[in-house]
Amino acid sequence: MSFTKAFSPALRELRFIFSQTGPASAGTRQFVVSKYPVIKKHNPDLPVLIREATGTPARVFARFERGVERHVELENLSAPEVEAKVSQLLSS
């Protein structure tokens, strides 16, 4: 899935949770910094929440219509690996 186009209308919310200083969350932080502007440009009405908390394992949650929520762990992944995991989550 490319981040240069709008996501499915079934996606209601995208939520990233990670540590703001932990080395295991470095790839997630890098992904968010580089891809957040592109995601918001193509999905201006989609809530993209970014939650940082010290010691929190990196993960992303996707909430779809009818309250269906899925998540994947992003701990110790590089930015390209995070992108692949997020794409996989959104296409499932």
N, C-alpha and C. Protein backbone atom coordinates (compact mmCIF):
# COMPACT_ATOMS: atom_id res chain seq x y z
N MET A 1 0.85 -1.18 0.00
CA MET A 1 0.00 0.00 0.00
C MET A 1 0.89 1.23 0.00
N SER A 2 0.54 2.16 -0.83
CA SER A 2 1.30 3.40 -0.92
C SER A 2 0.67 4.46 -0.01
N PHE A 3 1.52 5.26 0.59
CA PHE A 3 1.03 6.33 1.45
C PHE A 3 0.77 7.60 0.65
N THR A 4 0.89 7.52 -0.69
CA THR A 4 0.67 8.68 -1.53
C THR A 4 -0.73 8.72 -2.12
N LYS A 5 -1.65 8.00 -1.50
CA LYS A 5 -3.05 8.04 -1.93
C LYS A 5 -3.94 7.90 -0.70
N ALA A 6 -5.20 8.18 -0.89
CA ALA A 6 -6.15 8.11 0.22
C ALA A 6 -6.36 6.67 0.65
N PHE A 7 -6.55 6.49 1.94
CA PHE A 7 -6.83 5.16 2.49
C PHE A 7 -8.30 4.82 2.27
N SER A 8 -8.64 3.59 2.53
CA SER A 8 -10.01 3.12 2.41
C SER A 8 -10.93 3.93 3.34
N PRO A 9 -12.14 4.23 2.87
CA PRO A 9 -13.09 4.95 3.74
C PRO A 9 -13.48 4.15 4.98
N ALA A 10 -13.22 2.85 4.98
CA ALA A 10 -13.54 2.01 6.14
C ALA A 10 -12.61 2.31 7.32
N LEU A 11 -11.44 2.89 7.06
CA LEU A 11 -10.50 3.24 8.12
C LEU A 11 -10.99 4.49 8.84
N ARG A 12 -11.17 4.38 10.15
CA ARG A 12 -11.71 5.49 10.94
C ARG A 12 -10.65 6.22 11.75
N GLU A 13 -9.56 5.51 12.12
CA GLU A 13 -8.54 6.13 12.97
C GLU A 13 -7.25 5.33 12.86
N LEU A 14 -6.13 6.04 12.92
CA LEU A 14 -4.81 5.42 12.94
C LEU A 14 -4.10 5.97 14.17
N ARG A 15 -3.61 5.08 15.03
CA ARG A 15 -3.02 5.50 16.31
C ARG A 15 -1.65 4.86 16.51
N PHE A 16 -0.62 5.71 16.63
CA PHE A 16 0.74 5.25 16.88
C PHE A 16 1.06 5.46 18.34
N ILE A 17 1.62 4.44 18.98
CA ILE A 17 2.05 4.54 20.38
C ILE A 17 3.50 4.07 20.44
N PHE A 18 4.36 4.91 21.01
CA PHE A 18 5.77 4.55 21.09
C PHE A 18 6.48 5.41 22.12
N SER A 19 7.70 5.01 22.45
CA SER A 19 8.53 5.76 23.40
C SER A 19 9.22 6.90 22.66
N GLN A 20 9.22 8.09 23.26
CA GLN A 20 9.83 9.23 22.58
C GLN A 20 11.36 9.21 22.64
N THR A 21 11.95 8.38 23.49
CA THR A 21 13.40 8.35 23.59
C THR A 21 14.00 6.95 23.46
N GLY A 22 13.22 5.92 23.59
CA GLY A 22 13.73 4.55 23.58
C GLY A 22 14.30 4.14 22.23
N PRO A 23 15.43 3.43 22.25
CA PRO A 23 16.05 2.99 20.99
C PRO A 23 15.19 1.99 20.21
N ALA A 24 14.35 1.24 20.88
CA ALA A 24 13.51 0.26 20.20
C ALA A 24 12.40 0.93 19.39
N SER A 25 12.12 2.20 19.67
CA SER A 25 11.08 2.94 18.95
C SER A 25 11.65 3.88 17.89
N ALA A 26 12.96 3.84 17.66
CA ALA A 26 13.60 4.78 16.73
C ALA A 26 13.02 4.68 15.31
N GLY A 27 12.80 3.49 14.81
CA GLY A 27 12.24 3.31 13.47
C GLY A 27 10.83 3.85 13.36
N THR A 28 10.05 3.67 14.41
CA THR A 28 8.68 4.19 14.43
C THR A 28 8.69 5.71 14.44
N ARG A 29 9.56 6.30 15.25
CA ARG A 29 9.67 7.76 15.29
C ARG A 29 10.06 8.31 13.91
N GLN A 30 11.04 7.67 13.29
CA GLN A 30 11.49 8.10 11.98
C GLN A 30 10.37 7.98 10.94
N PHE A 31 9.62 6.89 10.99
CA PHE A 31 8.49 6.70 10.08
C PHE A 31 7.46 7.79 10.27
N VAL A 32 7.10 8.09 11.51
CA VAL A 32 6.08 9.10 11.78
C VAL A 32 6.54 10.47 11.28
N VAL A 33 7.78 10.82 11.56
CA VAL A 33 8.29 12.12 11.12
C VAL A 33 8.28 12.23 9.59
N SER A 34 8.64 11.18 8.90
CA SER A 34 8.73 11.25 7.44
C SER A 34 7.39 11.05 6.74
N LYS A 35 6.50 10.23 7.27
CA LYS A 35 5.27 9.88 6.55
C LYS A 35 4.01 10.61 7.03
N TYR A 36 4.03 11.16 8.23
CA TYR A 36 2.83 11.83 8.75
C TYR A 36 2.34 12.94 7.79
N PRO A 37 3.22 13.83 7.31
CA PRO A 37 2.71 14.88 6.41
C PRO A 37 2.05 14.33 5.15
N VAL A 38 2.60 13.27 4.60
CA VAL A 38 2.04 12.66 3.38
C VAL A 38 0.69 12.01 3.69
N ILE A 39 0.62 11.31 4.80
CA ILE A 39 -0.63 10.65 5.19
C ILE A 39 -1.74 11.70 5.38
N LYS A 40 -1.42 12.79 6.09
CA LYS A 40 -2.43 13.82 6.34
C LYS A 40 -2.79 14.58 5.07
N LYS A 41 -1.85 14.73 4.16
CA LYS A 41 -2.14 15.42 2.90
C LYS A 41 -3.20 14.67 2.11
N HIS A 42 -3.09 13.35 2.07
CA HIS A 42 -4.01 12.54 1.28
C HIS A 42 -5.24 12.07 2.05
N ASN A 43 -5.22 12.23 3.38
CA ASN A 43 -6.33 11.81 4.24
C ASN A 43 -6.60 12.91 5.28
N PRO A 44 -7.00 14.10 4.85
CA PRO A 44 -7.10 15.23 5.79
C PRO A 44 -8.12 15.04 6.91
N ASP A 45 -9.14 14.24 6.70
CA ASP A 45 -10.17 14.05 7.72
C ASP A 45 -9.93 12.85 8.61
N LEU A 46 -8.90 12.08 8.33
CA LEU A 46 -8.60 10.88 9.12
C LEU A 46 -7.84 11.27 10.39
N PRO A 47 -8.36 10.91 11.57
CA PRO A 47 -7.58 11.16 12.79
C PRO A 47 -6.35 10.25 12.83
N VAL A 48 -5.18 10.87 12.89
CA VAL A 48 -3.92 10.14 13.04
C VAL A 48 -3.36 10.58 14.39
N LEU A 49 -3.47 9.70 15.37
CA LEU A 49 -3.06 10.03 16.73
C LEU A 49 -1.65 9.52 16.99
N ILE A 50 -0.87 10.35 17.65
CA ILE A 50 0.50 9.99 17.99
C ILE A 50 0.64 10.12 19.50
N ARG A 51 0.87 9.00 20.15
CA ARG A 51 0.99 8.97 21.61
C ARG A 51 2.39 8.52 21.98
N GLU A 52 3.07 9.36 22.74
CA GLU A 52 4.42 9.04 23.19
C GLU A 52 4.43 8.88 24.70
N ALA A 53 5.05 7.82 25.15
CA ALA A 53 5.18 7.56 26.59
C ALA A 53 6.46 6.77 26.83
N THR A 54 7.25 7.24 27.76
CA THR A 54 8.52 6.59 28.06
C THR A 54 8.31 5.12 28.43
N GLY A 55 9.10 4.26 27.81
CA GLY A 55 9.05 2.84 28.11
C GLY A 55 7.93 2.07 27.44
N THR A 56 7.15 2.73 26.62
CA THR A 56 6.03 2.07 25.95
C THR A 56 6.53 1.34 24.71
N PRO A 57 6.14 0.09 24.52
CA PRO A 57 6.53 -0.61 23.29
C PRO A 57 5.85 0.03 22.08
N ALA A 58 6.57 0.09 20.97
CA ALA A 58 6.04 0.70 19.75
C ALA A 58 5.01 -0.22 19.11
N ARG A 59 3.87 0.39 18.74
CA ARG A 59 2.82 -0.35 18.04
C ARG A 59 1.91 0.63 17.35
N VAL A 60 1.14 0.14 16.42
CA VAL A 60 0.16 0.97 15.71
C VAL A 60 -1.18 0.25 15.74
N PHE A 61 -2.22 1.04 15.96
CA PHE A 61 -3.59 0.53 15.98
C PHE A 61 -4.36 1.16 14.82
N ALA A 62 -5.18 0.37 14.18
CA ALA A 62 -6.07 0.87 13.13
C ALA A 62 -7.49 0.51 13.53
N ARG A 63 -8.34 1.54 13.58
CA ARG A 63 -9.75 1.31 13.89
C ARG A 63 -10.55 1.47 12.61
N PHE A 64 -11.36 0.46 12.32
CA PHE A 64 -12.16 0.44 11.10
C PHE A 64 -13.63 0.62 11.45
N GLU A 65 -14.45 0.66 10.43
CA GLU A 65 -15.89 0.82 10.67
C GLU A 65 -16.42 -0.34 11.50
N ARG A 66 -17.52 -0.09 12.16
CA ARG A 66 -18.18 -1.05 13.06
C ARG A 66 -17.32 -1.42 14.26
N GLY A 67 -16.35 -0.56 14.63
CA GLY A 67 -15.57 -0.76 15.84
C GLY A 67 -14.48 -1.82 15.77
N VAL A 68 -14.20 -2.34 14.60
CA VAL A 68 -13.15 -3.34 14.45
C VAL A 68 -11.80 -2.65 14.62
N GLU A 69 -10.97 -3.19 15.50
CA GLU A 69 -9.66 -2.60 15.74
C GLU A 69 -8.59 -3.67 15.63
N ARG A 70 -7.52 -3.35 14.92
CA ARG A 70 -6.38 -4.27 14.77
C ARG A 70 -5.12 -3.52 15.10
N HIS A 71 -4.09 -4.25 15.51
CA HIS A 71 -2.82 -3.60 15.79
C HIS A 71 -1.66 -4.52 15.42
N VAL A 72 -0.49 -3.91 15.24
CA VAL A 72 0.74 -4.66 15.02
C VAL A 72 1.83 -4.05 15.89
N GLU A 73 2.75 -4.89 16.29
CA GLU A 73 3.90 -4.46 17.10
C GLU A 73 4.97 -3.91 16.17
N LEU A 74 5.61 -2.81 16.57
CA LEU A 74 6.64 -2.17 15.76
C LEU A 74 7.98 -2.07 16.47
N GLU A 75 8.10 -2.74 17.60
CA GLU A 75 9.30 -2.67 18.42
C GLU A 75 10.52 -3.17 17.66
N ASN A 76 11.61 -2.42 17.72
CA ASN A 76 12.91 -2.77 17.13
C ASN A 76 12.89 -2.92 15.61
N LEU A 77 11.99 -2.21 14.94
CA LEU A 77 11.94 -2.24 13.48
C LEU A 77 12.52 -0.96 12.91
N SER A 78 13.08 -1.05 11.71
CA SER A 78 13.56 0.15 11.02
C SER A 78 12.36 0.86 10.38
N ALA A 79 12.56 2.08 9.92
CA ALA A 79 11.47 2.84 9.30
C ALA A 79 10.87 2.11 8.09
N PRO A 80 11.68 1.53 7.19
CA PRO A 80 11.07 0.79 6.07
C PRO A 80 10.27 -0.45 6.53
N GLU A 81 10.75 -1.10 7.59
CA GLU A 81 10.00 -2.24 8.12
C GLU A 81 8.69 -1.79 8.77
N VAL A 82 8.72 -0.63 9.44
CA VAL A 82 7.50 -0.07 10.02
C VAL A 82 6.51 0.25 8.90
N GLU A 83 7.00 0.84 7.82
CA GLU A 83 6.13 1.15 6.68
C GLU A 83 5.47 -0.10 6.13
N ALA A 84 6.24 -1.18 6.01
CA ALA A 84 5.69 -2.45 5.51
C ALA A 84 4.64 -3.01 6.45
N LYS A 85 4.89 -2.94 7.76
CA LYS A 85 3.93 -3.45 8.75
C LYS A 85 2.64 -2.64 8.74
N VAL A 86 2.77 -1.32 8.66
CA VAL A 86 1.58 -0.45 8.63
C VAL A 86 0.79 -0.71 7.36
N SER A 87 1.47 -0.84 6.23
CA SER A 87 0.79 -1.16 4.97
C SER A 87 0.04 -2.48 5.06
N GLN A 88 0.70 -3.46 5.66
CA GLN A 88 0.07 -4.77 5.82
C GLN A 88 -1.17 -4.67 6.72
N LEU A 89 -1.07 -3.90 7.79
CA LEU A 89 -2.21 -3.72 8.69
C LEU A 89 -3.38 -3.06 7.98
N LEU A 90 -3.11 -2.04 7.20
CA LEU A 90 -4.18 -1.31 6.53
C LEU A 90 -4.79 -2.07 5.37
N SER A 91 -4.06 -3.01 4.81
CA SER A 91 -4.62 -3.77 3.69
C SER A 91 -5.32 -5.05 4.15
N SER A 92 -5.21 -5.38 5.43
CA SER A 92 -5.85 -6.62 5.92
C SER A 92 -7.33 -6.45 6.14
